[in-house]
């Protein structure tokens, strides 16, 4: 699911990270127009949406958990 995912520290949270490698900071890529256009708040927005189903997920078997989470994330990416 996350093979092609890059995890970076968003612009809002970079001040809270003191020991991370510079390459992990999204601001380091501001010269790249595609990276500069990224919504660095998308993780916060996704976490807020996940609160709608967090009471259900712990009770699912692993296979159902993965499917439910994948469908939820795919649906929310379309918004």
C-alpha atoms as a PDB file:
ATOM      1  CA  UNK A   1       0.000   0.000   0.000  1.00  0.00           C
ATOM      2  CA  UNK A   2       2.806   2.444   0.843  1.00  0.00           C
ATOM      3  CA  UNK A   3       5.544   1.194  -1.526  1.00  0.00           C
ATOM      4  CA  UNK A   4       5.496   4.352  -3.613  1.00  0.00           C
ATOM      5  CA  UNK A   5       4.821   6.752  -0.744  1.00  0.00           C
ATOM      6  CA  UNK A   6       7.245   9.458   0.329  1.00  0.00           C
ATOM      7  CA  UNK A   7       6.999  10.553   3.936  1.00  0.00           C
ATOM      8  CA  UNK A   8       8.085  14.144   4.464  1.00  0.00           C
ATOM      9  CA  UNK A   9       7.769  16.640   7.279  1.00  0.00           C
ATOM     10  CA  UNK A  10       5.241  19.295   6.309  1.00  0.00           C
ATOM     11  CA  UNK A  11       5.893  23.001   6.442  1.00  0.00           C
ATOM     12  CA  UNK A  12       3.728  23.504   9.525  1.00  0.00           C
ATOM     13  CA  UNK A  13       5.506  20.861  11.614  1.00  0.00           C
ATOM     14  CA  UNK A  14       9.098  21.422  10.534  1.00  0.00           C
ATOM     15  CA  UNK A  15       9.814  23.713  13.485  1.00  0.00           C
ATOM     16  CA  UNK A  16       9.021  20.820  15.872  1.00  0.00           C
ATOM     17  CA  UNK A  17      11.564  18.463  14.293  1.00  0.00           C
ATOM     18  CA  UNK A  18      15.090  19.237  15.420  1.00  0.00           C
ATOM     19  CA  UNK A  19      17.078  16.088  14.618  1.00  0.00           C
ATOM     20  CA  UNK A  20      15.591  14.958  11.302  1.00  0.00           C
ATOM     21  CA  UNK A  21      17.679  14.802   8.138  1.00  0.00           C
ATOM     22  CA  UNK A  22      17.240  17.890   5.929  1.00  0.00           C
ATOM     23  CA  UNK A  23      16.014  15.718   3.057  1.00  0.00           C
ATOM     24  CA  UNK A  24      12.913  14.850   5.126  1.00  0.00           C
ATOM     25  CA  UNK A  25      11.694  18.468   5.159  1.00  0.00           C
ATOM     26  CA  UNK A  26       9.221  19.398   2.429  1.00  0.00           C
ATOM     27  CA  UNK A  27      10.572  22.946   2.397  1.00  0.00           C
ATOM     28  CA  UNK A  28      13.886  21.606   1.047  1.00  0.00           C
ATOM     29  CA  UNK A  29      12.094  20.842  -2.235  1.00  0.00           C
ATOM     30  CA  UNK A  30      10.472  24.247  -2.759  1.00  0.00           C
ATOM     31  CA  UNK A  31      12.604  24.744  -5.896  1.00  0.00           C
ATOM     32  CA  UNK A  32      10.651  21.893  -7.492  1.00  0.00           C
ATOM     33  CA  UNK A  33       7.292  23.286  -8.653  1.00  0.00           C
ATOM     34  CA  UNK A  34       5.545  19.919  -8.323  1.00  0.00           C
ATOM     35  CA  UNK A  35       6.737  19.486  -4.735  1.00  0.00           C
ATOM     36  CA  UNK A  36       5.987  23.114  -3.889  1.00  0.00           C
ATOM     37  CA  UNK A  37       2.391  22.609  -5.011  1.00  0.00           C
ATOM     38  CA  UNK A  38       1.862  19.675  -2.616  1.00  0.00           C
ATOM     39  CA  UNK A  39      -0.737  20.118   0.079  1.00  0.00           C
ATOM     40  CA  UNK A  40       1.406  19.695   3.178  1.00  0.00           C
ATOM     41  CA  UNK A  41      -1.743  19.700   5.305  1.00  0.00           C
ATOM     42  CA  UNK A  42      -3.186  16.587   3.648  1.00  0.00           C
ATOM     43  CA  UNK A  43      -1.990  14.323   6.485  1.00  0.00           C
ATOM     44  CA  UNK A  44      -3.774  16.507   9.030  1.00  0.00           C
ATOM     45  CA  UNK A  45      -6.908  16.506   6.903  1.00  0.00           C
ATOM     46  CA  UNK A  46      -6.781  12.717   6.459  1.00  0.00           C
ATOM     47  CA  UNK A  47      -6.287  12.186  10.194  1.00  0.00           C
ATOM     48  CA  UNK A  48      -9.313  14.351  10.890  1.00  0.00           C
ATOM     49  CA  UNK A  49     -11.388  12.240   8.483  1.00  0.00           C
ATOM     50  CA  UNK A  50     -10.090   8.981   9.989  1.00  0.00           C
ATOM     51  CA  UNK A  51     -11.680   9.963  13.297  1.00  0.00           C
ATOM     52  CA  UNK A  52     -15.020   9.142  11.676  1.00  0.00           C
ATOM     53  CA  UNK A  53     -14.124   5.438  11.446  1.00  0.00           C
ATOM     54  CA  UNK A  54     -11.591   4.999  14.281  1.00  0.00           C
ATOM     55  CA  UNK A  55     -14.250   3.453  16.528  1.00  0.00           C
ATOM     56  CA  UNK A  56     -14.841   0.652  13.986  1.00  0.00           C
ATOM     57  CA  UNK A  57     -11.343  -0.261  12.774  1.00  0.00           C
ATOM     58  CA  UNK A  58     -10.012  -1.864  15.997  1.00  0.00           C
ATOM     59  CA  UNK A  59     -12.757  -4.482  15.911  1.00  0.00           C
ATOM     60  CA  UNK A  60     -12.081  -5.700  12.368  1.00  0.00           C
ATOM     61  CA  UNK A  61      -9.984  -8.680  11.393  1.00  0.00           C
ATOM     62  CA  UNK A  62      -6.725  -7.648   9.715  1.00  0.00           C
ATOM     63  CA  UNK A  63      -7.886  -8.443   6.172  1.00  0.00           C
ATOM     64  CA  UNK A  64     -11.109  -6.451   6.621  1.00  0.00           C
ATOM     65  CA  UNK A  65      -9.192  -3.648   8.371  1.00  0.00           C
ATOM     66  CA  UNK A  66      -6.830  -3.284   5.374  1.00  0.00           C
ATOM     67  CA  UNK A  67      -9.677  -3.301   2.851  1.00  0.00           C
ATOM     68  CA  UNK A  68     -11.747  -0.808   4.828  1.00  0.00           C
ATOM     69  CA  UNK A  69      -8.816   1.535   5.323  1.00  0.00           C
ATOM     70  CA  UNK A  70      -7.757   1.302   1.656  1.00  0.00           C
ATOM     71  CA  UNK A  71     -11.300   2.063   0.455  1.00  0.00           C
ATOM     72  CA  UNK A  72     -11.673   4.921   2.918  1.00  0.00           C
ATOM     73  CA  UNK A  73      -8.371   6.495   1.862  1.00  0.00           C
ATOM     74  CA  UNK A  74      -9.110   6.023  -1.847  1.00  0.00           C
ATOM     75  CA  UNK A  75     -12.524   7.628  -1.438  1.00  0.00           C
ATOM     76  CA  UNK A  76     -11.091  10.577   0.472  1.00  0.00           C
ATOM     77  CA  UNK A  77      -8.340  11.169  -2.099  1.00  0.00           C
ATOM     78  CA  UNK A  78     -11.035  11.928  -4.631  1.00  0.00           C
ATOM     79  CA  UNK A  79     -12.316  14.862  -2.585  1.00  0.00           C
END
